[in-house]
Amino acid sequence: MKKKKYIWTCLVLAAVLCACGREPGIYVPTDAPKGPGTVVINTKDKTDQNYDIPEPTKDPSDPGNLTPTPTGTINRENGTFGAADMNIAINGITLQCGIDFLPFVDKFGMEPVIAQGQACLDNGFDTNYYYGDLFTVYTLAVDDKQSIFDIYVTGKGYGDGRGIVIGTTTRDKVHEIYGEPSKVNPTADKYSVSDTEYMTVEYEDDIVSAIDFYNLKQ
């Protein structure tokens, strides 16, 4: 499964990303930080915790470890995509770019692997939070908060509010729900709100394998 490249601690890099964006479906492995000045600040190993990819539950109250819960269905016309689609609910917690992630770090049933690098835009440290192979949250240090700029979800069974489910939904169904992408490559579709705010849907054998929500404008 393809994974996300690091967006790390250089203001120049941030400026480049603002101007150019990332191409959908072109990611490098994120098993260990590689950016300049990046430090892993805890030593959690995948063997230390339950990183099994869960199956969806029909019961949102299920207390199981990181079991995906239904996000509900947003009643919007098929063939449309907009800013209202730039969020995802994970175990009942709705995440979207621009909010402070600190209140939610320990709300998902296991401790994430955390990596930090010197902040690009403010004092402190930009931080990546890795929840196994299920999802990753990337944040920037802004005003004593960790402001989300990227949410990368890969756990089977997780889905958005429009009916897309990782590991189940076909590419044709994604196009039916969201319409024609703003950019396409063989393994991903990009749906844009603006140059700096967009959703990327990745595929393996034309089945959704990951959903990425990205907004660098803080």
N, C-alpha and C. Protein backbone atom coordinates (compact mmCIF):
# COMPACT_ATOMS: atom_id res chain seq x y z
N MET A 1 0.85 -1.19 0.00
CA MET A 1 0.00 0.00 0.00
C MET A 1 0.89 1.24 0.00
N LYS A 2 0.56 2.22 -0.84
CA LYS A 2 1.35 3.42 -0.86
C LYS A 2 1.07 4.24 0.38
N LYS A 3 2.08 4.92 0.82
CA LYS A 3 1.92 5.75 2.00
C LYS A 3 2.42 7.16 1.72
N LYS A 4 2.21 8.07 2.73
CA LYS A 4 2.42 9.47 2.51
C LYS A 4 3.84 9.91 2.67
N LYS A 5 4.21 10.88 1.85
CA LYS A 5 5.51 11.48 2.04
C LYS A 5 5.48 12.42 3.22
N TYR A 6 6.61 12.69 3.83
CA TYR A 6 6.70 13.64 4.92
C TYR A 6 6.63 15.07 4.39
N ILE A 7 5.82 15.90 5.07
CA ILE A 7 5.82 17.33 4.77
C ILE A 7 6.48 17.95 5.99
N TRP A 8 7.76 18.25 5.95
CA TRP A 8 8.48 18.52 7.20
C TRP A 8 8.99 19.91 7.24
N THR A 9 9.77 20.21 8.11
CA THR A 9 10.07 21.39 8.86
C THR A 9 10.81 22.48 8.13
N CYS A 10 10.56 22.76 6.94
CA CYS A 10 11.29 23.82 6.27
C CYS A 10 10.30 24.81 5.67
N LEU A 11 10.43 26.06 5.98
CA LEU A 11 9.51 27.06 5.47
C LEU A 11 9.55 27.10 3.95
N VAL A 12 10.73 26.90 3.39
CA VAL A 12 10.84 26.86 1.94
C VAL A 12 10.01 25.73 1.37
N LEU A 13 10.11 24.56 2.01
CA LEU A 13 9.32 23.41 1.55
C LEU A 13 7.84 23.72 1.67
N ALA A 14 7.43 24.35 2.78
CA ALA A 14 6.02 24.70 2.94
C ALA A 14 5.57 25.63 1.82
N ALA A 15 6.42 26.59 1.46
CA ALA A 15 6.07 27.51 0.38
C ALA A 15 5.93 26.78 -0.94
N VAL A 16 6.82 25.83 -1.18
CA VAL A 16 6.75 25.04 -2.41
C VAL A 16 5.45 24.26 -2.45
N LEU A 17 5.08 23.67 -1.31
CA LEU A 17 3.84 22.90 -1.25
C LEU A 17 2.64 23.80 -1.49
N CYS A 18 2.69 25.01 -0.94
CA CYS A 18 1.58 25.95 -1.16
C CYS A 18 1.43 26.24 -2.64
N ALA A 19 2.56 26.43 -3.31
CA ALA A 19 2.51 26.82 -4.71
C ALA A 19 2.16 25.66 -5.62
N CYS A 20 2.68 24.49 -5.29
CA CYS A 20 2.59 23.38 -6.23
C CYS A 20 1.62 22.29 -5.81
N GLY A 21 1.41 22.11 -4.51
CA GLY A 21 0.60 20.98 -4.06
C GLY A 21 1.33 19.68 -4.28
N ARG A 22 0.70 18.56 -3.87
CA ARG A 22 1.30 17.25 -4.07
C ARG A 22 0.50 16.50 -5.11
N GLU A 23 1.19 15.73 -5.90
CA GLU A 23 0.50 14.93 -6.89
C GLU A 23 -0.19 13.75 -6.20
N PRO A 24 -1.45 13.50 -6.51
CA PRO A 24 -2.14 12.38 -5.86
C PRO A 24 -1.50 11.06 -6.19
N GLY A 25 -1.42 10.22 -5.17
CA GLY A 25 -0.94 8.85 -5.39
C GLY A 25 0.55 8.73 -5.46
N ILE A 26 1.31 9.81 -5.21
CA ILE A 26 2.76 9.73 -5.26
C ILE A 26 3.28 9.97 -3.86
N TYR A 27 3.49 8.90 -3.12
CA TYR A 27 3.87 9.00 -1.73
C TYR A 27 5.06 8.08 -1.47
N VAL A 28 5.82 8.39 -0.45
CA VAL A 28 6.93 7.53 -0.05
C VAL A 28 6.61 6.93 1.30
N PRO A 29 7.21 5.80 1.66
CA PRO A 29 6.90 5.17 2.94
C PRO A 29 7.16 6.10 4.11
N THR A 30 6.36 5.95 5.18
CA THR A 30 6.49 6.81 6.35
C THR A 30 6.78 5.99 7.60
N ASP A 31 7.49 4.89 7.45
CA ASP A 31 7.76 4.05 8.62
C ASP A 31 8.71 4.73 9.60
N ALA A 32 9.54 5.64 9.11
CA ALA A 32 10.47 6.36 9.98
C ALA A 32 10.68 7.75 9.42
N PRO A 33 10.83 8.75 10.28
CA PRO A 33 11.01 10.11 9.79
C PRO A 33 12.33 10.26 9.07
N LYS A 34 12.32 11.05 7.99
CA LYS A 34 13.52 11.25 7.20
C LYS A 34 13.85 12.72 6.98
N GLY A 35 12.96 13.61 7.41
CA GLY A 35 13.17 15.03 7.18
C GLY A 35 14.29 15.58 8.05
N PRO A 36 14.91 16.68 7.63
CA PRO A 36 15.99 17.28 8.42
C PRO A 36 15.49 17.75 9.76
N GLY A 37 16.19 17.39 10.82
CA GLY A 37 15.83 17.82 12.15
C GLY A 37 14.68 17.05 12.77
N THR A 38 14.26 15.97 12.12
CA THR A 38 13.12 15.20 12.63
C THR A 38 13.56 14.23 13.71
N VAL A 39 12.75 14.15 14.77
CA VAL A 39 13.09 13.29 15.89
C VAL A 39 11.86 12.50 16.31
N VAL A 40 12.00 11.19 16.47
CA VAL A 40 10.93 10.39 17.05
C VAL A 40 10.99 10.57 18.56
N ILE A 41 9.88 11.01 19.17
CA ILE A 41 9.94 11.35 20.59
C ILE A 41 9.35 10.28 21.48
N ASN A 42 8.86 9.19 20.91
CA ASN A 42 8.56 8.03 21.74
C ASN A 42 9.04 6.79 21.02
N THR A 43 9.04 5.67 21.69
CA THR A 43 9.66 4.47 21.14
C THR A 43 8.66 3.36 20.93
N LYS A 44 7.39 3.72 20.79
CA LYS A 44 6.39 2.70 20.56
C LYS A 44 6.70 1.94 19.27
N ASP A 45 6.59 0.65 19.34
CA ASP A 45 6.84 -0.20 18.19
C ASP A 45 5.53 -0.86 17.78
N LYS A 46 5.41 -1.20 16.49
CA LYS A 46 4.18 -1.82 16.03
C LYS A 46 3.87 -3.12 16.76
N THR A 47 4.92 -3.78 17.24
CA THR A 47 4.69 -5.05 17.95
C THR A 47 4.19 -4.82 19.36
N ASP A 48 4.23 -3.58 19.85
CA ASP A 48 3.83 -3.29 21.22
C ASP A 48 2.32 -3.16 21.38
N GLN A 49 1.62 -2.94 20.28
CA GLN A 49 0.21 -2.63 20.37
C GLN A 49 -0.57 -3.39 19.30
N ASN A 50 -1.88 -3.30 19.41
CA ASN A 50 -2.74 -3.94 18.44
C ASN A 50 -2.91 -3.04 17.23
N TYR A 51 -2.19 -3.35 16.16
CA TYR A 51 -2.28 -2.58 14.94
C TYR A 51 -3.06 -3.32 13.86
N ASP A 52 -3.83 -4.34 14.24
CA ASP A 52 -4.62 -5.05 13.25
C ASP A 52 -5.60 -4.08 12.59
N ILE A 53 -5.74 -4.21 11.27
CA ILE A 53 -6.71 -3.38 10.57
C ILE A 53 -8.10 -3.92 10.86
N PRO A 54 -8.97 -3.10 11.44
CA PRO A 54 -10.27 -3.61 11.88
C PRO A 54 -11.29 -3.65 10.75
N GLU A 55 -12.33 -4.39 10.96
CA GLU A 55 -13.48 -4.40 10.06
C GLU A 55 -14.54 -3.45 10.63
N PRO A 56 -15.42 -2.94 9.78
CA PRO A 56 -16.44 -2.00 10.28
C PRO A 56 -17.37 -2.66 11.28
N THR A 57 -17.87 -1.88 12.20
CA THR A 57 -18.87 -2.37 13.14
C THR A 57 -20.22 -1.75 12.80
N LYS A 58 -21.29 -2.50 13.06
CA LYS A 58 -22.62 -1.95 12.85
C LYS A 58 -23.11 -1.21 14.09
N ASP A 59 -22.35 -1.29 15.16
CA ASP A 59 -22.75 -0.69 16.43
C ASP A 59 -21.80 0.45 16.78
N PRO A 60 -22.19 1.72 16.63
CA PRO A 60 -21.28 2.82 16.92
C PRO A 60 -20.81 2.85 18.37
N SER A 61 -21.51 2.15 19.28
CA SER A 61 -21.10 2.16 20.68
C SER A 61 -20.08 1.07 20.98
N ASP A 62 -19.73 0.27 19.99
CA ASP A 62 -18.77 -0.82 20.18
C ASP A 62 -17.47 -0.25 20.74
N PRO A 63 -17.02 -0.74 21.90
CA PRO A 63 -15.81 -0.19 22.51
C PRO A 63 -14.53 -0.80 21.96
N GLY A 64 -14.61 -1.62 20.93
CA GLY A 64 -13.43 -2.31 20.40
C GLY A 64 -12.32 -1.36 20.01
N ASN A 65 -11.10 -1.84 20.03
CA ASN A 65 -9.92 -1.01 19.79
C ASN A 65 -9.88 -0.53 18.34
N LEU A 66 -10.10 0.78 18.16
CA LEU A 66 -10.00 1.40 16.85
C LEU A 66 -10.88 0.76 15.80
N THR A 67 -12.06 0.30 16.20
CA THR A 67 -12.99 -0.26 15.22
C THR A 67 -13.70 0.89 14.51
N PRO A 68 -13.68 0.90 13.19
CA PRO A 68 -14.36 2.00 12.48
C PRO A 68 -15.83 2.05 12.83
N THR A 69 -16.35 3.25 12.96
CA THR A 69 -17.78 3.42 13.22
C THR A 69 -18.40 4.20 12.09
N PRO A 70 -19.68 3.97 11.81
CA PRO A 70 -20.34 4.69 10.72
C PRO A 70 -20.26 6.20 10.93
N THR A 71 -20.06 6.93 9.85
CA THR A 71 -19.95 8.39 9.95
C THR A 71 -21.27 9.07 9.65
N GLY A 72 -22.28 8.30 9.27
CA GLY A 72 -23.51 8.91 8.82
C GLY A 72 -23.39 9.31 7.37
N THR A 73 -24.49 9.63 6.76
CA THR A 73 -24.49 9.98 5.35
C THR A 73 -24.86 11.44 5.17
N ILE A 74 -23.99 12.18 4.50
CA ILE A 74 -24.27 13.57 4.19
C ILE A 74 -25.22 13.60 2.99
N ASN A 75 -26.32 14.27 3.13
CA ASN A 75 -27.32 14.31 2.07
C ASN A 75 -26.95 15.41 1.08
N ARG A 76 -26.13 15.04 0.10
CA ARG A 76 -25.74 15.97 -0.94
C ARG A 76 -25.95 15.31 -2.29
N GLU A 77 -26.14 16.12 -3.28
CA GLU A 77 -26.38 15.61 -4.63
C GLU A 77 -25.15 14.88 -5.14
N ASN A 78 -25.37 13.70 -5.71
CA ASN A 78 -24.26 12.97 -6.32
C ASN A 78 -23.63 13.79 -7.44
N GLY A 79 -22.34 13.58 -7.62
CA GLY A 79 -21.63 14.29 -8.66
C GLY A 79 -21.09 15.63 -8.23
N THR A 80 -21.12 15.90 -6.91
CA THR A 80 -20.63 17.18 -6.40
C THR A 80 -19.55 16.95 -5.35
N PHE A 81 -18.64 17.92 -5.24
CA PHE A 81 -17.61 17.91 -4.21
C PHE A 81 -17.37 19.34 -3.77
N GLY A 82 -17.22 19.52 -2.43
CA GLY A 82 -16.97 20.87 -1.92
C GLY A 82 -16.32 20.84 -0.56
N ALA A 83 -16.16 22.01 0.04
CA ALA A 83 -15.48 22.14 1.32
C ALA A 83 -16.15 21.33 2.42
N ALA A 84 -17.48 21.14 2.32
CA ALA A 84 -18.20 20.37 3.33
C ALA A 84 -17.78 18.91 3.36
N ASP A 85 -17.12 18.44 2.31
CA ASP A 85 -16.67 17.04 2.25
C ASP A 85 -15.27 16.85 2.82
N MET A 86 -14.64 17.92 3.28
CA MET A 86 -13.24 17.84 3.72
C MET A 86 -13.14 17.48 5.20
N ASN A 87 -13.74 16.37 5.60
CA ASN A 87 -13.64 15.90 6.97
C ASN A 87 -13.94 14.42 7.00
N ILE A 88 -13.56 13.76 8.09
CA ILE A 88 -13.83 12.34 8.26
C ILE A 88 -14.03 12.06 9.74
N ALA A 89 -14.96 11.17 10.06
CA ALA A 89 -15.19 10.76 11.45
C ALA A 89 -14.48 9.44 11.70
N ILE A 90 -13.65 9.41 12.72
CA ILE A 90 -12.92 8.20 13.12
C ILE A 90 -13.32 7.88 14.55
N ASN A 91 -14.01 6.76 14.72
CA ASN A 91 -14.52 6.39 16.04
C ASN A 91 -15.31 7.50 16.70
N GLY A 92 -16.17 8.12 15.91
CA GLY A 92 -17.06 9.14 16.44
C GLY A 92 -16.44 10.51 16.59
N ILE A 93 -15.16 10.66 16.26
CA ILE A 93 -14.48 11.95 16.36
C ILE A 93 -14.28 12.50 14.95
N THR A 94 -14.86 13.65 14.68
CA THR A 94 -14.74 14.25 13.35
C THR A 94 -13.46 15.07 13.27
N LEU A 95 -12.63 14.73 12.30
CA LEU A 95 -11.37 15.43 12.10
C LEU A 95 -11.43 16.20 10.79
N GLN A 96 -10.86 17.41 10.81
CA GLN A 96 -10.74 18.19 9.60
C GLN A 96 -9.52 19.10 9.73
N CYS A 97 -9.00 19.51 8.60
CA CYS A 97 -7.83 20.37 8.62
C CYS A 97 -8.18 21.71 9.25
N GLY A 98 -7.21 22.25 9.99
CA GLY A 98 -7.38 23.55 10.62
C GLY A 98 -7.74 23.51 12.08
N ILE A 99 -8.18 22.35 12.60
CA ILE A 99 -8.52 22.27 14.02
C ILE A 99 -7.31 21.83 14.82
N ASP A 100 -7.32 22.11 16.11
CA ASP A 100 -6.25 21.70 17.01
C ASP A 100 -6.40 20.21 17.31
N PHE A 101 -5.35 19.43 17.06
CA PHE A 101 -5.43 17.99 17.27
C PHE A 101 -5.11 17.58 18.70
N LEU A 102 -4.51 18.45 19.48
CA LEU A 102 -4.06 18.07 20.83
C LEU A 102 -5.17 17.48 21.70
N PRO A 103 -6.41 17.99 21.67
CA PRO A 103 -7.45 17.39 22.53
C PRO A 103 -7.84 15.97 22.14
N PHE A 104 -7.43 15.51 20.95
CA PHE A 104 -7.89 14.23 20.44
C PHE A 104 -6.82 13.15 20.36
N VAL A 105 -5.58 13.50 20.67
CA VAL A 105 -4.45 12.59 20.46
C VAL A 105 -4.69 11.23 21.10
N ASP A 106 -5.20 11.19 22.34
CA ASP A 106 -5.33 9.94 23.08
C ASP A 106 -6.77 9.42 23.11
N LYS A 107 -7.59 9.83 22.14
CA LYS A 107 -9.00 9.45 22.14
C LYS A 107 -9.33 8.28 21.23
N PHE A 108 -8.34 7.63 20.64
CA PHE A 108 -8.60 6.62 19.62
C PHE A 108 -8.30 5.19 20.06
N GLY A 109 -8.04 5.00 21.34
CA GLY A 109 -7.89 3.64 21.85
C GLY A 109 -6.48 3.11 21.89
N MET A 110 -5.50 3.86 21.36
CA MET A 110 -4.10 3.44 21.50
C MET A 110 -3.20 4.66 21.35
N GLU A 111 -2.01 4.52 21.86
CA GLU A 111 -1.05 5.62 21.82
C GLU A 111 -0.36 5.65 20.46
N PRO A 112 -0.32 6.80 19.81
CA PRO A 112 0.34 6.86 18.50
C PRO A 112 1.86 6.92 18.63
N VAL A 113 2.54 6.56 17.55
CA VAL A 113 3.95 6.91 17.40
C VAL A 113 3.98 8.39 17.03
N ILE A 114 4.83 9.16 17.68
CA ILE A 114 4.87 10.60 17.47
C ILE A 114 6.26 11.00 16.97
N ALA A 115 6.29 11.79 15.92
CA ALA A 115 7.55 12.32 15.41
C ALA A 115 7.42 13.83 15.27
N GLN A 116 8.51 14.55 15.61
CA GLN A 116 8.46 16.00 15.59
C GLN A 116 9.66 16.58 14.84
N GLY A 117 9.45 17.75 14.29
CA GLY A 117 10.53 18.52 13.68
C GLY A 117 10.32 19.99 13.98
N GLN A 118 11.38 20.79 13.88
CA GLN A 118 11.27 22.21 14.18
C GLN A 118 10.17 22.85 13.34
N ALA A 119 9.35 23.67 13.98
CA ALA A 119 8.18 24.25 13.32
C ALA A 119 8.56 25.10 12.12
N CYS A 120 7.75 25.01 11.07
CA CYS A 120 7.95 25.82 9.86
C CYS A 120 7.45 27.24 10.05
N LEU A 121 6.28 27.37 10.68
CA LEU A 121 5.56 28.64 10.66
C LEU A 121 5.51 29.35 12.00
N ASP A 122 5.90 28.68 13.09
CA ASP A 122 5.74 29.26 14.41
C ASP A 122 6.80 28.64 15.31
N ASN A 123 6.77 28.98 16.59
CA ASN A 123 7.66 28.34 17.55
C ASN A 123 7.18 26.93 17.85
N GLY A 124 8.03 26.12 18.42
CA GLY A 124 7.63 24.77 18.79
C GLY A 124 7.97 23.76 17.71
N PHE A 125 7.16 22.71 17.62
CA PHE A 125 7.47 21.60 16.73
C PHE A 125 6.24 21.20 15.92
N ASP A 126 6.43 21.05 14.63
CA ASP A 126 5.42 20.39 13.81
C ASP A 126 5.46 18.91 14.13
N THR A 127 4.31 18.25 14.10
CA THR A 127 4.22 16.89 14.65
C THR A 127 3.41 15.98 13.74
N ASN A 128 3.89 14.74 13.61
CA ASN A 128 3.15 13.67 12.94
C ASN A 128 2.71 12.65 13.98
N TYR A 129 1.47 12.20 13.89
CA TYR A 129 0.92 11.20 14.80
C TYR A 129 0.52 9.97 13.97
N TYR A 130 1.20 8.84 14.22
CA TYR A 130 0.99 7.62 13.44
C TYR A 130 0.20 6.60 14.26
N TYR A 131 -0.99 6.29 13.79
CA TYR A 131 -1.83 5.27 14.44
C TYR A 131 -1.74 3.99 13.61
N GLY A 132 -0.59 3.34 13.73
CA GLY A 132 -0.35 2.10 13.00
C GLY A 132 -0.53 2.31 11.51
N ASP A 133 -1.13 1.32 10.86
CA ASP A 133 -1.43 1.41 9.44
C ASP A 133 -2.86 1.87 9.20
N LEU A 134 -3.46 2.50 10.20
CA LEU A 134 -4.86 2.90 10.11
C LEU A 134 -5.02 4.34 9.64
N PHE A 135 -4.34 5.27 10.29
CA PHE A 135 -4.41 6.66 9.86
C PHE A 135 -3.25 7.43 10.47
N THR A 136 -2.93 8.54 9.82
CA THR A 136 -1.87 9.44 10.28
C THR A 136 -2.40 10.86 10.24
N VAL A 137 -2.09 11.64 11.28
CA VAL A 137 -2.48 13.05 11.33
C VAL A 137 -1.20 13.88 11.36
N TYR A 138 -1.11 14.84 10.45
CA TYR A 138 0.05 15.72 10.32
C TYR A 138 -0.35 17.11 10.79
N THR A 139 0.45 17.72 11.66
CA THR A 139 0.07 19.02 12.22
C THR A 139 1.21 20.02 12.14
N LEU A 140 0.83 21.30 12.18
CA LEU A 140 1.77 22.41 12.27
C LEU A 140 1.58 23.10 13.61
N ALA A 141 2.69 23.54 14.20
CA ALA A 141 2.61 24.31 15.44
C ALA A 141 2.14 25.73 15.11
N VAL A 142 0.97 26.10 15.63
CA VAL A 142 0.40 27.42 15.39
C VAL A 142 -0.24 27.90 16.69
N ASP A 143 0.31 28.97 17.28
CA ASP A 143 -0.28 29.57 18.49
C ASP A 143 -0.50 28.54 19.60
N ASP A 144 0.53 27.78 19.92
CA ASP A 144 0.47 26.78 21.00
C ASP A 144 -0.51 25.65 20.72
N LYS A 145 -0.91 25.49 19.49
CA LYS A 145 -1.79 24.39 19.10
C LYS A 145 -1.08 23.54 18.05
N GLN A 146 -1.61 22.34 17.84
CA GLN A 146 -1.14 21.50 16.74
C GLN A 146 -2.25 21.48 15.70
N SER A 147 -2.14 22.37 14.73
CA SER A 147 -3.19 22.57 13.74
C SER A 147 -3.06 21.52 12.63
N ILE A 148 -4.11 20.76 12.41
CA ILE A 148 -4.08 19.70 11.41
C ILE A 148 -4.00 20.31 10.01
N PHE A 149 -3.05 19.80 9.19
CA PHE A 149 -3.05 20.19 7.79
C PHE A 149 -3.18 18.99 6.86
N ASP A 150 -3.12 17.77 7.41
CA ASP A 150 -3.19 16.60 6.56
C ASP A 150 -3.70 15.41 7.38
N ILE A 151 -4.68 14.71 6.85
CA ILE A 151 -5.22 13.49 7.48
C ILE A 151 -5.18 12.39 6.44
N TYR A 152 -4.43 11.35 6.71
CA TYR A 152 -4.23 10.27 5.73
C TYR A 152 -4.76 8.98 6.34
N VAL A 153 -5.83 8.45 5.75
CA VAL A 153 -6.55 7.32 6.33
C VAL A 153 -6.41 6.11 5.41
N THR A 154 -5.96 4.99 5.98
CA THR A 154 -5.72 3.78 5.18
C THR A 154 -6.39 2.53 5.76
N GLY A 155 -6.98 2.62 6.95
CA GLY A 155 -7.56 1.45 7.59
C GLY A 155 -8.82 0.98 6.87
N LYS A 156 -8.86 -0.29 6.54
CA LYS A 156 -10.04 -0.85 5.88
C LYS A 156 -11.26 -0.69 6.78
N GLY A 157 -12.36 -0.30 6.16
CA GLY A 157 -13.59 -0.09 6.90
C GLY A 157 -13.86 1.35 7.24
N TYR A 158 -12.81 2.18 7.27
CA TYR A 158 -13.05 3.60 7.50
C TYR A 158 -13.63 4.22 6.24
N GLY A 159 -14.47 5.24 6.42
CA GLY A 159 -15.07 5.88 5.27
C GLY A 159 -15.50 7.29 5.56
N ASP A 160 -15.88 8.00 4.51
CA ASP A 160 -16.32 9.38 4.66
C ASP A 160 -17.84 9.42 4.82
N GLY A 161 -18.38 10.62 4.86
CA GLY A 161 -19.82 10.76 5.07
C GLY A 161 -20.65 10.63 3.81
N ARG A 162 -20.01 10.38 2.68
CA ARG A 162 -20.73 10.28 1.41
C ARG A 162 -20.88 8.84 0.94
N GLY A 163 -20.35 7.89 1.72
CA GLY A 163 -20.52 6.49 1.37
C GLY A 163 -19.30 5.80 0.82
N ILE A 164 -18.16 6.48 0.76
CA ILE A 164 -16.92 5.84 0.32
C ILE A 164 -16.31 5.09 1.49
N VAL A 165 -15.96 3.81 1.29
CA VAL A 165 -15.38 2.98 2.34
C VAL A 165 -14.08 2.36 1.82
N ILE A 166 -13.02 2.52 2.60
CA ILE A 166 -11.72 1.98 2.22
C ILE A 166 -11.78 0.46 2.20
N GLY A 167 -11.28 -0.11 1.11
CA GLY A 167 -11.27 -1.55 0.96
C GLY A 167 -12.50 -2.11 0.29
N THR A 168 -13.50 -1.26 0.01
CA THR A 168 -14.77 -1.72 -0.54
C THR A 168 -15.21 -0.96 -1.78
N THR A 169 -15.16 0.37 -1.72
CA THR A 169 -15.75 1.20 -2.76
C THR A 169 -14.90 1.19 -4.03
N THR A 170 -15.56 1.11 -5.18
CA THR A 170 -14.87 1.11 -6.46
C THR A 170 -14.59 2.54 -6.93
N ARG A 171 -13.66 2.64 -7.86
CA ARG A 171 -13.34 3.95 -8.44
C ARG A 171 -14.54 4.53 -9.17
N ASP A 172 -15.27 3.71 -9.88
CA ASP A 172 -16.46 4.19 -10.58
C ASP A 172 -17.47 4.78 -9.60
N LYS A 173 -17.61 4.15 -8.43
CA LYS A 173 -18.55 4.65 -7.42
C LYS A 173 -18.08 5.99 -6.87
N VAL A 174 -16.78 6.15 -6.67
CA VAL A 174 -16.24 7.43 -6.22
C VAL A 174 -16.60 8.53 -7.23
N HIS A 175 -16.44 8.23 -8.52
CA HIS A 175 -16.76 9.21 -9.55
C HIS A 175 -18.25 9.51 -9.57
N GLU A 176 -19.06 8.51 -9.29
CA GLU A 176 -20.50 8.73 -9.23
C GLU A 176 -20.86 9.66 -8.09
N ILE A 177 -20.19 9.47 -6.95
CA ILE A 177 -20.51 10.27 -5.76
C ILE A 177 -19.96 11.69 -5.87
N TYR A 178 -18.69 11.82 -6.27
CA TYR A 178 -18.02 13.12 -6.25
C TYR A 178 -17.90 13.79 -7.61
N GLY A 179 -18.24 13.09 -8.67
CA GLY A 179 -18.10 13.68 -9.99
C GLY A 179 -16.72 13.47 -10.55
N GLU A 180 -16.41 14.19 -11.61
CA GLU A 180 -15.11 14.05 -12.26
C GLU A 180 -14.02 14.72 -11.41
N PRO A 181 -12.90 14.02 -11.20
CA PRO A 181 -11.82 14.61 -10.40
C PRO A 181 -11.19 15.81 -11.11
N SER A 182 -10.54 16.66 -10.31
CA SER A 182 -9.81 17.78 -10.89
C SER A 182 -8.48 17.32 -11.47
N LYS A 183 -7.98 16.19 -10.99
CA LYS A 183 -6.74 15.63 -11.50
C LYS A 183 -6.78 14.12 -11.31
N VAL A 184 -6.21 13.39 -12.27
CA VAL A 184 -6.26 11.93 -12.25
C VAL A 184 -4.89 11.38 -12.58
N ASN A 185 -4.49 10.32 -11.89
CA ASN A 185 -3.37 9.51 -12.36
C ASN A 185 -3.78 8.05 -12.24
N PRO A 186 -2.97 7.10 -12.66
CA PRO A 186 -3.43 5.71 -12.70
C PRO A 186 -3.89 5.14 -11.37
N THR A 187 -3.39 5.68 -10.24
CA THR A 187 -3.74 5.09 -8.95
C THR A 187 -4.41 6.06 -7.99
N ALA A 188 -4.82 7.24 -8.46
CA ALA A 188 -5.42 8.21 -7.54
C ALA A 188 -6.24 9.25 -8.28
N ASP A 189 -7.22 9.80 -7.57
CA ASP A 189 -8.01 10.94 -8.04
C ASP A 189 -7.86 12.08 -7.04
N LYS A 190 -7.79 13.29 -7.56
CA LYS A 190 -7.68 14.47 -6.73
C LYS A 190 -8.92 15.35 -6.92
N TYR A 191 -9.57 15.70 -5.79
CA TYR A 191 -10.74 16.58 -5.81
C TYR A 191 -10.38 17.86 -5.06
N SER A 192 -10.42 18.98 -5.74
CA SER A 192 -9.90 20.23 -5.19
C SER A 192 -11.00 21.20 -4.78
N VAL A 193 -10.79 21.82 -3.62
CA VAL A 193 -11.56 22.99 -3.22
C VAL A 193 -10.80 24.23 -3.69
N SER A 194 -9.47 24.19 -3.54
CA SER A 194 -8.58 25.25 -4.01
C SER A 194 -7.21 24.61 -4.24
N ASP A 195 -6.23 25.45 -4.60
CA ASP A 195 -4.88 24.93 -4.84
C ASP A 195 -4.27 24.34 -3.58
N THR A 196 -4.69 24.80 -2.41
CA THR A 196 -4.10 24.33 -1.16
C THR A 196 -5.04 23.47 -0.33
N GLU A 197 -6.22 23.21 -0.83
CA GLU A 197 -7.19 22.41 -0.08
C GLU A 197 -7.81 21.38 -1.02
N TYR A 198 -7.55 20.10 -0.72
CA TYR A 198 -8.07 19.07 -1.61
C TYR A 198 -8.11 17.71 -0.93
N MET A 199 -8.87 16.82 -1.53
CA MET A 199 -8.95 15.43 -1.09
C MET A 199 -8.37 14.54 -2.19
N THR A 200 -7.55 13.58 -1.79
CA THR A 200 -7.03 12.60 -2.73
C THR A 200 -7.57 11.22 -2.34
N VAL A 201 -8.06 10.50 -3.32
CA VAL A 201 -8.52 9.13 -3.11
C VAL A 201 -7.56 8.21 -3.86
N GLU A 202 -6.95 7.27 -3.15
CA GLU A 202 -6.02 6.32 -3.76
C GLU A 202 -6.69 4.98 -3.98
N TYR A 203 -6.16 4.24 -4.96
CA TYR A 203 -6.77 2.96 -5.33
C TYR A 203 -5.72 1.86 -5.47
N GLU A 204 -6.15 0.65 -5.17
CA GLU A 204 -5.43 -0.56 -5.54
C GLU A 204 -6.41 -1.43 -6.30
N ASP A 205 -6.08 -1.75 -7.55
CA ASP A 205 -6.99 -2.52 -8.40
C ASP A 205 -8.37 -1.87 -8.48
N ASP A 206 -8.37 -0.53 -8.57
CA ASP A 206 -9.60 0.26 -8.70
C ASP A 206 -10.53 0.14 -7.50
N ILE A 207 -10.01 -0.26 -6.34
CA ILE A 207 -10.74 -0.23 -5.07
C ILE A 207 -10.07 0.79 -4.17
N VAL A 208 -10.85 1.59 -3.47
CA VAL A 208 -10.29 2.63 -2.60
C VAL A 208 -9.36 2.01 -1.56
N SER A 209 -8.11 2.51 -1.50
CA SER A 209 -7.14 2.02 -0.52
C SER A 209 -6.73 3.09 0.49
N ALA A 210 -7.03 4.35 0.20
CA ALA A 210 -6.69 5.43 1.13
C ALA A 210 -7.46 6.68 0.75
N ILE A 211 -7.72 7.50 1.77
CA ILE A 211 -8.32 8.82 1.56
C ILE A 211 -7.45 9.83 2.29
N ASP A 212 -7.11 10.91 1.60
CA ASP A 212 -6.22 11.92 2.16
C ASP A 212 -6.89 13.29 2.08
N PHE A 213 -6.96 13.97 3.24
CA PHE A 213 -7.51 15.32 3.29
C PHE A 213 -6.37 16.29 3.59
N TYR A 214 -6.20 17.31 2.75
CA TYR A 214 -5.02 18.16 2.83
C TYR A 214 -5.42 19.62 2.69
N ASN A 215 -4.93 20.46 3.62
CA ASN A 215 -5.16 21.90 3.53
C ASN A 215 -4.02 22.61 4.22
N LEU A 216 -3.10 23.15 3.43
CA LEU A 216 -1.93 23.81 4.01
C LEU A 216 -2.23 25.23 4.46
N LYS A 217 -3.31 25.83 3.98
CA LYS A 217 -3.64 27.20 4.37
C LYS A 217 -4.10 27.21 5.81
N GLN A 218 -3.36 27.87 6.68
CA GLN A 218 -3.67 27.90 8.11
C GLN A 218 -4.14 29.31 8.52
